[in-house]
Amino acid sequence: IISMSLGGPSTDPAQRAYEEAFKYANQAGAIVVVAAGNSNENARYSVPANCKGVITVSAINAQLDKASFSNTVEDVEMGIAAPGEEIHSTIPQSKYAAYSGTSMATPYVAGLLGVMKSLNPNLNTQEAYRILQKTGKETKSTTQTGRLVNPLGAIKALE
């Protein structure tokens, strides 16, 4: 599983470079998960969120609304949602802090995919996304966010 929390405006050279890298990663059996971005715009304008062969993650809040900052995923190949507001994270000196962003939502999905891949080592990106989509829950704006990942449902779907 490759988890990427980075990105920016799409340019032709960046688009080509990312897509070649993701094609190689997918052919090697990797599942690539990327952050949708935090500009409150359509992720189709951001790279690597708009690339083929990746699962793009938007952020939602505790009320199942799209996080105000989250890019939307309605125009990307494989969009999904995960919690991304006020996520507790470790910080130096054995402390915790709460952070928000699609960079907080993306590792949530990557961790779930790691468990799924451990249960089915042959799982590929398209099959993993199909399971996440099929078992995911509706949000208050599913069209913009994608379905909310449902870890238990996704794992049970592999049985």
N, C-alpha and C. Protein backbone atom coordinates (compact mmCIF):
# COMPACT_ATOMS: atom_id res chain seq x y z
N ILE A 1 0.86 -1.17 0.00
CA ILE A 1 0.00 0.00 0.00
C ILE A 1 0.90 1.23 0.00
N ILE A 2 0.63 2.15 -0.91
CA ILE A 2 1.34 3.41 -0.97
C ILE A 2 0.35 4.50 -0.60
N SER A 3 0.65 5.26 0.44
CA SER A 3 -0.22 6.34 0.91
C SER A 3 0.47 7.67 0.64
N MET A 4 -0.20 8.56 -0.08
CA MET A 4 0.41 9.84 -0.47
C MET A 4 -0.47 11.01 -0.05
N SER A 5 0.06 11.84 0.81
CA SER A 5 -0.62 13.05 1.25
C SER A 5 0.15 14.25 0.73
N LEU A 6 -0.01 14.52 -0.54
CA LEU A 6 0.68 15.62 -1.20
C LEU A 6 -0.10 15.99 -2.44
N GLY A 7 0.26 17.08 -3.05
CA GLY A 7 -0.38 17.43 -4.30
C GLY A 7 -0.34 18.90 -4.60
N GLY A 8 -0.88 19.22 -5.76
CA GLY A 8 -0.93 20.60 -6.20
C GLY A 8 -1.64 20.69 -7.53
N PRO A 9 -1.63 21.85 -8.13
CA PRO A 9 -2.30 22.04 -9.42
C PRO A 9 -1.72 21.08 -10.48
N SER A 10 -2.60 20.57 -11.30
CA SER A 10 -2.19 19.63 -12.33
C SER A 10 -1.49 20.35 -13.48
N THR A 11 -0.35 19.81 -13.89
CA THR A 11 0.36 20.26 -15.09
C THR A 11 0.63 19.03 -15.93
N ASP A 12 0.80 19.22 -17.22
CA ASP A 12 1.03 18.07 -18.11
C ASP A 12 2.25 17.24 -17.68
N PRO A 13 3.41 17.85 -17.40
CA PRO A 13 4.56 17.03 -17.00
C PRO A 13 4.32 16.27 -15.70
N ALA A 14 3.72 16.91 -14.71
CA ALA A 14 3.45 16.23 -13.43
C ALA A 14 2.45 15.10 -13.64
N GLN A 15 1.43 15.36 -14.43
CA GLN A 15 0.41 14.36 -14.70
C GLN A 15 1.04 13.11 -15.32
N ARG A 16 1.86 13.30 -16.34
CA ARG A 16 2.52 12.17 -17.00
C ARG A 16 3.41 11.41 -16.03
N ALA A 17 4.19 12.12 -15.24
CA ALA A 17 5.12 11.47 -14.32
C ALA A 17 4.37 10.64 -13.28
N TYR A 18 3.36 11.22 -12.68
CA TYR A 18 2.58 10.48 -11.68
C TYR A 18 1.89 9.26 -12.31
N GLU A 19 1.27 9.46 -13.46
CA GLU A 19 0.53 8.35 -14.06
C GLU A 19 1.45 7.21 -14.46
N GLU A 20 2.65 7.51 -14.94
CA GLU A 20 3.62 6.45 -15.25
C GLU A 20 4.02 5.71 -13.97
N ALA A 21 4.26 6.45 -12.91
CA ALA A 21 4.64 5.84 -11.63
C ALA A 21 3.51 4.97 -11.08
N PHE A 22 2.27 5.44 -11.18
CA PHE A 22 1.15 4.67 -10.64
C PHE A 22 0.87 3.44 -11.48
N LYS A 23 1.05 3.54 -12.79
CA LYS A 23 0.89 2.38 -13.65
C LYS A 23 1.90 1.30 -13.25
N TYR A 24 3.14 1.71 -13.05
CA TYR A 24 4.19 0.78 -12.62
C TYR A 24 3.84 0.17 -11.26
N ALA A 25 3.41 1.00 -10.31
CA ALA A 25 3.07 0.51 -8.97
C ALA A 25 1.91 -0.47 -9.02
N ASN A 26 0.87 -0.15 -9.78
CA ASN A 26 -0.28 -1.04 -9.90
C ASN A 26 0.12 -2.38 -10.53
N GLN A 27 0.96 -2.33 -11.56
CA GLN A 27 1.40 -3.57 -12.21
C GLN A 27 2.23 -4.42 -11.26
N ALA A 28 2.91 -3.79 -10.31
CA ALA A 28 3.73 -4.51 -9.33
C ALA A 28 2.90 -5.01 -8.15
N GLY A 29 1.59 -4.73 -8.16
CA GLY A 29 0.71 -5.22 -7.10
C GLY A 29 0.42 -4.23 -6.00
N ALA A 30 0.91 -3.01 -6.12
CA ALA A 30 0.67 -1.99 -5.09
C ALA A 30 -0.70 -1.34 -5.29
N ILE A 31 -1.29 -0.94 -4.19
CA ILE A 31 -2.51 -0.14 -4.20
C ILE A 31 -2.08 1.26 -3.74
N VAL A 32 -2.40 2.27 -4.55
CA VAL A 32 -1.99 3.64 -4.24
C VAL A 32 -3.21 4.43 -3.77
N VAL A 33 -3.05 5.09 -2.62
CA VAL A 33 -4.11 5.90 -2.02
C VAL A 33 -3.58 7.32 -1.90
N VAL A 34 -4.35 8.31 -2.39
CA VAL A 34 -3.88 9.69 -2.38
C VAL A 34 -4.93 10.62 -1.76
N ALA A 35 -4.45 11.70 -1.17
CA ALA A 35 -5.31 12.72 -0.60
C ALA A 35 -5.97 13.54 -1.72
N ALA A 36 -7.24 13.88 -1.53
CA ALA A 36 -7.97 14.66 -2.53
C ALA A 36 -7.48 16.11 -2.58
N GLY A 37 -7.01 16.62 -1.46
CA GLY A 37 -6.57 18.01 -1.38
C GLY A 37 -7.49 18.85 -0.52
N ASN A 38 -6.99 19.99 -0.09
CA ASN A 38 -7.69 20.82 0.89
C ASN A 38 -8.03 22.21 0.37
N SER A 39 -8.41 22.32 -0.88
CA SER A 39 -8.71 23.62 -1.49
C SER A 39 -10.19 23.86 -1.70
N ASN A 40 -11.04 22.96 -1.22
CA ASN A 40 -12.49 23.05 -1.41
C ASN A 40 -12.84 23.27 -2.89
N GLU A 41 -12.22 22.45 -3.74
CA GLU A 41 -12.52 22.49 -5.17
C GLU A 41 -12.59 21.06 -5.68
N ASN A 42 -12.83 20.91 -6.95
CA ASN A 42 -12.91 19.59 -7.56
C ASN A 42 -11.49 19.01 -7.68
N ALA A 43 -11.32 17.80 -7.18
CA ALA A 43 -10.00 17.15 -7.20
C ALA A 43 -9.50 16.88 -8.61
N ARG A 44 -10.34 16.99 -9.61
CA ARG A 44 -9.88 16.76 -10.99
C ARG A 44 -8.81 17.77 -11.40
N TYR A 45 -8.70 18.87 -10.67
CA TYR A 45 -7.70 19.89 -10.99
C TYR A 45 -6.40 19.70 -10.22
N SER A 46 -6.33 18.69 -9.37
CA SER A 46 -5.15 18.47 -8.53
C SER A 46 -4.47 17.15 -8.89
N VAL A 47 -3.16 17.18 -8.90
CA VAL A 47 -2.38 15.98 -9.14
C VAL A 47 -1.66 15.63 -7.84
N PRO A 48 -1.62 14.43 -7.38
CA PRO A 48 -1.99 13.18 -8.03
C PRO A 48 -3.44 12.74 -7.82
N ALA A 49 -4.26 13.58 -7.17
CA ALA A 49 -5.65 13.17 -6.87
C ALA A 49 -6.44 12.80 -8.12
N ASN A 50 -6.11 13.40 -9.26
CA ASN A 50 -6.88 13.16 -10.48
C ASN A 50 -6.29 12.06 -11.36
N CYS A 51 -5.30 11.36 -10.89
CA CYS A 51 -4.64 10.35 -11.71
C CYS A 51 -5.44 9.05 -11.80
N LYS A 52 -5.22 8.36 -12.88
CA LYS A 52 -5.79 7.03 -13.05
C LYS A 52 -5.02 6.04 -12.17
N GLY A 53 -5.73 5.02 -11.69
CA GLY A 53 -5.06 3.96 -10.95
C GLY A 53 -4.84 4.24 -9.48
N VAL A 54 -5.46 5.31 -8.96
CA VAL A 54 -5.32 5.62 -7.53
C VAL A 54 -6.70 5.72 -6.89
N ILE A 55 -6.75 5.47 -5.59
CA ILE A 55 -7.96 5.72 -4.82
C ILE A 55 -7.77 7.08 -4.16
N THR A 56 -8.67 8.01 -4.46
CA THR A 56 -8.57 9.39 -3.98
C THR A 56 -9.51 9.57 -2.80
N VAL A 57 -8.98 10.14 -1.70
CA VAL A 57 -9.72 10.21 -0.44
C VAL A 57 -10.10 11.65 -0.10
N SER A 58 -11.40 11.87 0.05
CA SER A 58 -11.91 13.15 0.55
C SER A 58 -12.08 13.04 2.07
N ALA A 59 -12.31 14.18 2.72
CA ALA A 59 -12.47 14.20 4.18
C ALA A 59 -13.89 14.58 4.54
N ILE A 60 -14.41 13.89 5.56
CA ILE A 60 -15.72 14.24 6.11
C ILE A 60 -15.56 14.55 7.59
N ASN A 61 -16.60 15.18 8.16
CA ASN A 61 -16.58 15.48 9.59
C ASN A 61 -17.47 14.49 10.35
N ALA A 62 -17.59 14.69 11.64
CA ALA A 62 -18.34 13.76 12.49
C ALA A 62 -19.83 13.73 12.16
N GLN A 63 -20.33 14.77 11.50
CA GLN A 63 -21.75 14.82 11.13
C GLN A 63 -21.99 14.23 9.74
N LEU A 64 -20.96 13.62 9.16
CA LEU A 64 -21.01 13.03 7.82
C LEU A 64 -21.19 14.06 6.71
N ASP A 65 -20.83 15.31 7.00
CA ASP A 65 -20.78 16.35 5.98
C ASP A 65 -19.38 16.38 5.37
N LYS A 66 -19.28 16.84 4.13
CA LYS A 66 -17.96 17.07 3.54
C LYS A 66 -17.25 18.10 4.41
N ALA A 67 -16.02 17.84 4.77
CA ALA A 67 -15.25 18.83 5.51
C ALA A 67 -15.14 20.09 4.65
N SER A 68 -15.25 21.24 5.26
CA SER A 68 -15.31 22.49 4.51
C SER A 68 -14.11 22.70 3.60
N PHE A 69 -12.97 22.18 3.96
CA PHE A 69 -11.74 22.35 3.19
C PHE A 69 -11.54 21.30 2.11
N SER A 70 -12.21 20.16 2.23
CA SER A 70 -11.92 19.00 1.38
C SER A 70 -12.27 19.23 -0.08
N ASN A 71 -11.37 18.82 -0.95
CA ASN A 71 -11.70 18.76 -2.38
C ASN A 71 -12.75 17.67 -2.58
N THR A 72 -13.49 17.79 -3.65
CA THR A 72 -14.52 16.81 -3.97
C THR A 72 -13.97 15.77 -4.95
N VAL A 73 -14.61 14.61 -5.00
CA VAL A 73 -14.09 13.50 -5.79
C VAL A 73 -15.06 13.02 -6.87
N GLU A 74 -16.07 13.81 -7.19
CA GLU A 74 -17.07 13.35 -8.16
C GLU A 74 -16.51 13.16 -9.56
N ASP A 75 -15.39 13.78 -9.88
CA ASP A 75 -14.84 13.67 -11.23
C ASP A 75 -13.50 12.95 -11.28
N VAL A 76 -13.19 12.15 -10.27
CA VAL A 76 -11.98 11.33 -10.32
C VAL A 76 -12.40 9.88 -10.51
N GLU A 77 -11.46 9.06 -10.91
CA GLU A 77 -11.75 7.67 -11.25
C GLU A 77 -12.29 6.87 -10.06
N MET A 78 -11.63 6.98 -8.90
CA MET A 78 -12.01 6.17 -7.74
C MET A 78 -11.96 7.03 -6.48
N GLY A 79 -13.09 7.65 -6.13
CA GLY A 79 -13.15 8.52 -4.96
C GLY A 79 -13.86 7.85 -3.80
N ILE A 80 -13.36 8.10 -2.60
CA ILE A 80 -13.92 7.52 -1.38
C ILE A 80 -13.75 8.55 -0.27
N ALA A 81 -14.49 8.41 0.83
CA ALA A 81 -14.41 9.36 1.94
C ALA A 81 -13.96 8.66 3.21
N ALA A 82 -13.32 9.44 4.09
CA ALA A 82 -12.91 8.96 5.40
C ALA A 82 -12.90 10.14 6.37
N PRO A 83 -12.93 9.85 7.67
CA PRO A 83 -12.87 10.94 8.65
C PRO A 83 -11.62 11.78 8.47
N GLY A 84 -11.79 13.12 8.51
CA GLY A 84 -10.65 13.98 8.29
C GLY A 84 -10.64 15.26 9.11
N GLU A 85 -11.54 15.37 10.09
CA GLU A 85 -11.55 16.55 10.95
C GLU A 85 -11.26 16.15 12.39
N GLU A 86 -10.38 16.93 13.02
CA GLU A 86 -10.06 16.71 14.44
C GLU A 86 -9.59 15.28 14.72
N ILE A 87 -8.67 14.82 13.90
CA ILE A 87 -8.11 13.47 14.04
C ILE A 87 -6.91 13.54 14.98
N HIS A 88 -6.96 12.75 16.04
CA HIS A 88 -5.86 12.74 17.01
C HIS A 88 -4.62 12.09 16.40
N SER A 89 -3.50 12.77 16.59
CA SER A 89 -2.23 12.32 16.04
C SER A 89 -1.14 12.47 17.09
N THR A 90 -0.15 11.63 16.97
CA THR A 90 0.98 11.75 17.88
C THR A 90 1.86 12.93 17.46
N ILE A 91 2.44 13.57 18.46
CA ILE A 91 3.40 14.65 18.22
C ILE A 91 4.59 14.41 19.14
N PRO A 92 5.69 15.12 18.93
CA PRO A 92 6.87 14.90 19.77
C PRO A 92 6.58 15.03 21.27
N GLN A 93 7.44 14.41 22.05
CA GLN A 93 7.39 14.40 23.51
C GLN A 93 6.20 13.60 24.04
N SER A 94 5.85 12.52 23.33
CA SER A 94 4.79 11.60 23.75
C SER A 94 3.46 12.30 23.99
N LYS A 95 3.12 13.23 23.11
CA LYS A 95 1.87 13.97 23.24
C LYS A 95 0.99 13.73 22.01
N TYR A 96 -0.22 14.24 22.10
CA TYR A 96 -1.19 14.14 21.02
C TYR A 96 -1.72 15.52 20.68
N ALA A 97 -2.15 15.68 19.44
CA ALA A 97 -2.82 16.89 18.98
C ALA A 97 -3.85 16.48 17.93
N ALA A 98 -4.84 17.32 17.72
CA ALA A 98 -5.87 17.04 16.72
C ALA A 98 -5.59 17.86 15.47
N TYR A 99 -5.64 17.20 14.33
CA TYR A 99 -5.40 17.85 13.04
C TYR A 99 -6.54 17.53 12.08
N SER A 100 -6.68 18.37 11.07
CA SER A 100 -7.72 18.17 10.05
C SER A 100 -7.09 18.26 8.67
N GLY A 101 -7.62 17.49 7.74
CA GLY A 101 -7.16 17.55 6.36
C GLY A 101 -7.38 16.22 5.66
N THR A 102 -7.32 16.26 4.34
CA THR A 102 -7.41 15.00 3.60
C THR A 102 -6.17 14.16 3.85
N SER A 103 -5.10 14.79 4.33
CA SER A 103 -3.90 14.04 4.72
C SER A 103 -4.12 13.25 6.01
N MET A 104 -5.17 13.54 6.73
CA MET A 104 -5.53 12.75 7.91
C MET A 104 -6.48 11.62 7.51
N ALA A 105 -7.29 11.85 6.49
CA ALA A 105 -8.24 10.84 6.02
C ALA A 105 -7.56 9.74 5.21
N THR A 106 -6.54 10.11 4.44
CA THR A 106 -5.88 9.16 3.54
C THR A 106 -5.24 7.98 4.28
N PRO A 107 -4.50 8.19 5.37
CA PRO A 107 -3.91 7.04 6.07
C PRO A 107 -4.96 6.11 6.70
N TYR A 108 -6.12 6.66 7.01
CA TYR A 108 -7.22 5.84 7.53
C TYR A 108 -7.59 4.77 6.49
N VAL A 109 -7.70 5.21 5.24
CA VAL A 109 -8.03 4.29 4.15
C VAL A 109 -6.85 3.38 3.86
N ALA A 110 -5.65 3.91 3.87
CA ALA A 110 -4.46 3.10 3.61
C ALA A 110 -4.32 1.98 4.65
N GLY A 111 -4.59 2.30 5.91
CA GLY A 111 -4.51 1.28 6.95
C GLY A 111 -5.52 0.17 6.73
N LEU A 112 -6.75 0.55 6.39
CA LEU A 112 -7.78 -0.45 6.08
C LEU A 112 -7.35 -1.30 4.89
N LEU A 113 -6.82 -0.68 3.86
CA LEU A 113 -6.38 -1.44 2.69
C LEU A 113 -5.22 -2.37 3.03
N GLY A 114 -4.37 -1.97 3.96
CA GLY A 114 -3.29 -2.85 4.41
C GLY A 114 -3.84 -4.11 5.05
N VAL A 115 -4.86 -3.96 5.88
CA VAL A 115 -5.49 -5.13 6.49
C VAL A 115 -6.14 -5.99 5.41
N MET A 116 -6.85 -5.34 4.49
CA MET A 116 -7.52 -6.08 3.42
C MET A 116 -6.51 -6.86 2.57
N LYS A 117 -5.39 -6.22 2.24
CA LYS A 117 -4.37 -6.87 1.41
C LYS A 117 -3.70 -8.01 2.17
N SER A 118 -3.60 -7.89 3.50
CA SER A 118 -3.01 -8.98 4.28
C SER A 118 -3.94 -10.20 4.27
N LEU A 119 -5.23 -9.95 4.16
CA LEU A 119 -6.20 -11.06 4.10
C LEU A 119 -6.32 -11.63 2.70
N ASN A 120 -6.04 -10.82 1.69
CA ASN A 120 -6.07 -11.26 0.29
C ASN A 120 -4.89 -10.62 -0.44
N PRO A 121 -3.72 -11.25 -0.41
CA PRO A 121 -2.52 -10.66 -1.02
C PRO A 121 -2.65 -10.35 -2.51
N ASN A 122 -3.60 -10.97 -3.19
CA ASN A 122 -3.79 -10.72 -4.62
C ASN A 122 -4.73 -9.55 -4.91
N LEU A 123 -5.23 -8.89 -3.88
CA LEU A 123 -6.15 -7.78 -4.04
C LEU A 123 -5.48 -6.66 -4.84
N ASN A 124 -6.17 -6.19 -5.89
CA ASN A 124 -5.63 -5.09 -6.68
C ASN A 124 -6.44 -3.82 -6.43
N THR A 125 -6.01 -2.74 -7.00
CA THR A 125 -6.64 -1.44 -6.75
C THR A 125 -8.11 -1.42 -7.12
N GLN A 126 -8.44 -1.91 -8.31
CA GLN A 126 -9.82 -1.87 -8.77
C GLN A 126 -10.73 -2.73 -7.89
N GLU A 127 -10.28 -3.91 -7.51
CA GLU A 127 -11.07 -4.79 -6.65
C GLU A 127 -11.22 -4.17 -5.26
N ALA A 128 -10.15 -3.61 -4.74
CA ALA A 128 -10.21 -2.96 -3.42
C ALA A 128 -11.21 -1.81 -3.45
N TYR A 129 -11.16 -1.00 -4.48
CA TYR A 129 -12.09 0.12 -4.58
C TYR A 129 -13.53 -0.39 -4.70
N ARG A 130 -13.72 -1.43 -5.48
CA ARG A 130 -15.08 -1.98 -5.63
C ARG A 130 -15.63 -2.39 -4.28
N ILE A 131 -14.80 -3.02 -3.46
CA ILE A 131 -15.23 -3.44 -2.11
C ILE A 131 -15.53 -2.22 -1.24
N LEU A 132 -14.63 -1.24 -1.25
CA LEU A 132 -14.86 -0.03 -0.45
C LEU A 132 -16.15 0.67 -0.87
N GLN A 133 -16.38 0.71 -2.16
CA GLN A 133 -17.58 1.36 -2.70
C GLN A 133 -18.83 0.57 -2.31
N LYS A 134 -18.78 -0.72 -2.49
CA LYS A 134 -19.95 -1.57 -2.22
C LYS A 134 -20.32 -1.57 -0.75
N THR A 135 -19.34 -1.60 0.13
CA THR A 135 -19.60 -1.69 1.56
C THR A 135 -19.66 -0.33 2.25
N GLY A 136 -19.29 0.74 1.53
CA GLY A 136 -19.26 2.07 2.11
C GLY A 136 -20.64 2.59 2.46
N LYS A 137 -20.65 3.59 3.31
CA LYS A 137 -21.89 4.21 3.78
C LYS A 137 -22.11 5.55 3.07
N GLU A 138 -23.38 5.93 2.98
CA GLU A 138 -23.72 7.23 2.42
C GLU A 138 -23.26 8.34 3.37
N THR A 139 -22.85 9.47 2.81
CA THR A 139 -22.60 10.67 3.59
C THR A 139 -23.73 11.65 3.27
N LYS A 140 -23.67 12.84 3.81
CA LYS A 140 -24.70 13.83 3.49
C LYS A 140 -24.51 14.41 2.10
N SER A 141 -23.36 14.14 1.48
CA SER A 141 -23.08 14.61 0.12
C SER A 141 -22.22 13.57 -0.61
N THR A 142 -22.75 12.36 -0.70
CA THR A 142 -22.00 11.24 -1.27
C THR A 142 -21.47 11.53 -2.66
N THR A 143 -22.23 12.24 -3.48
CA THR A 143 -21.77 12.54 -4.83
C THR A 143 -20.45 13.29 -4.80
N GLN A 144 -20.31 14.23 -3.87
CA GLN A 144 -19.08 15.02 -3.78
C GLN A 144 -17.97 14.31 -3.02
N THR A 145 -18.33 13.52 -2.00
CA THR A 145 -17.32 12.92 -1.12
C THR A 145 -16.93 11.50 -1.50
N GLY A 146 -17.82 10.81 -2.20
CA GLY A 146 -17.67 9.36 -2.33
C GLY A 146 -18.27 8.73 -1.09
N ARG A 147 -18.37 7.43 -1.08
CA ARG A 147 -18.95 6.72 0.06
C ARG A 147 -17.93 6.67 1.20
N LEU A 148 -18.44 6.71 2.42
CA LEU A 148 -17.60 6.64 3.62
C LEU A 148 -17.14 5.20 3.82
N VAL A 149 -15.83 5.00 3.95
CA VAL A 149 -15.32 3.64 4.13
C VAL A 149 -15.93 3.02 5.39
N ASN A 150 -16.20 1.74 5.29
CA ASN A 150 -16.79 0.96 6.37
C ASN A 150 -15.84 -0.20 6.63
N PRO A 151 -14.90 -0.05 7.56
CA PRO A 151 -13.88 -1.07 7.75
C PRO A 151 -14.43 -2.48 7.99
N LEU A 152 -15.38 -2.62 8.88
CA LEU A 152 -15.92 -3.94 9.17
C LEU A 152 -16.57 -4.55 7.94
N GLY A 153 -17.36 -3.78 7.24
CA GLY A 153 -18.02 -4.26 6.03
C GLY A 153 -17.02 -4.69 4.97
N ALA A 154 -15.96 -3.89 4.81
CA ALA A 154 -14.94 -4.21 3.80
C ALA A 154 -14.22 -5.50 4.13
N ILE A 155 -13.89 -5.69 5.39
CA ILE A 155 -13.18 -6.91 5.81
C ILE A 155 -14.09 -8.13 5.68
N LYS A 156 -15.35 -7.98 6.08
CA LYS A 156 -16.29 -9.09 5.94
C LYS A 156 -16.51 -9.47 4.47
N ALA A 157 -16.43 -8.49 3.58
CA ALA A 157 -16.61 -8.75 2.14
C ALA A 157 -15.50 -9.65 1.59
N LEU A 158 -14.37 -9.70 2.26
CA LEU A 158 -13.26 -10.54 1.82
C LEU A 158 -13.42 -11.99 2.27
N GLU A 159 -14.32 -12.23 3.21
CA GLU A 159 -14.47 -13.60 3.75
C GLU A 159 -15.19 -14.51 2.77
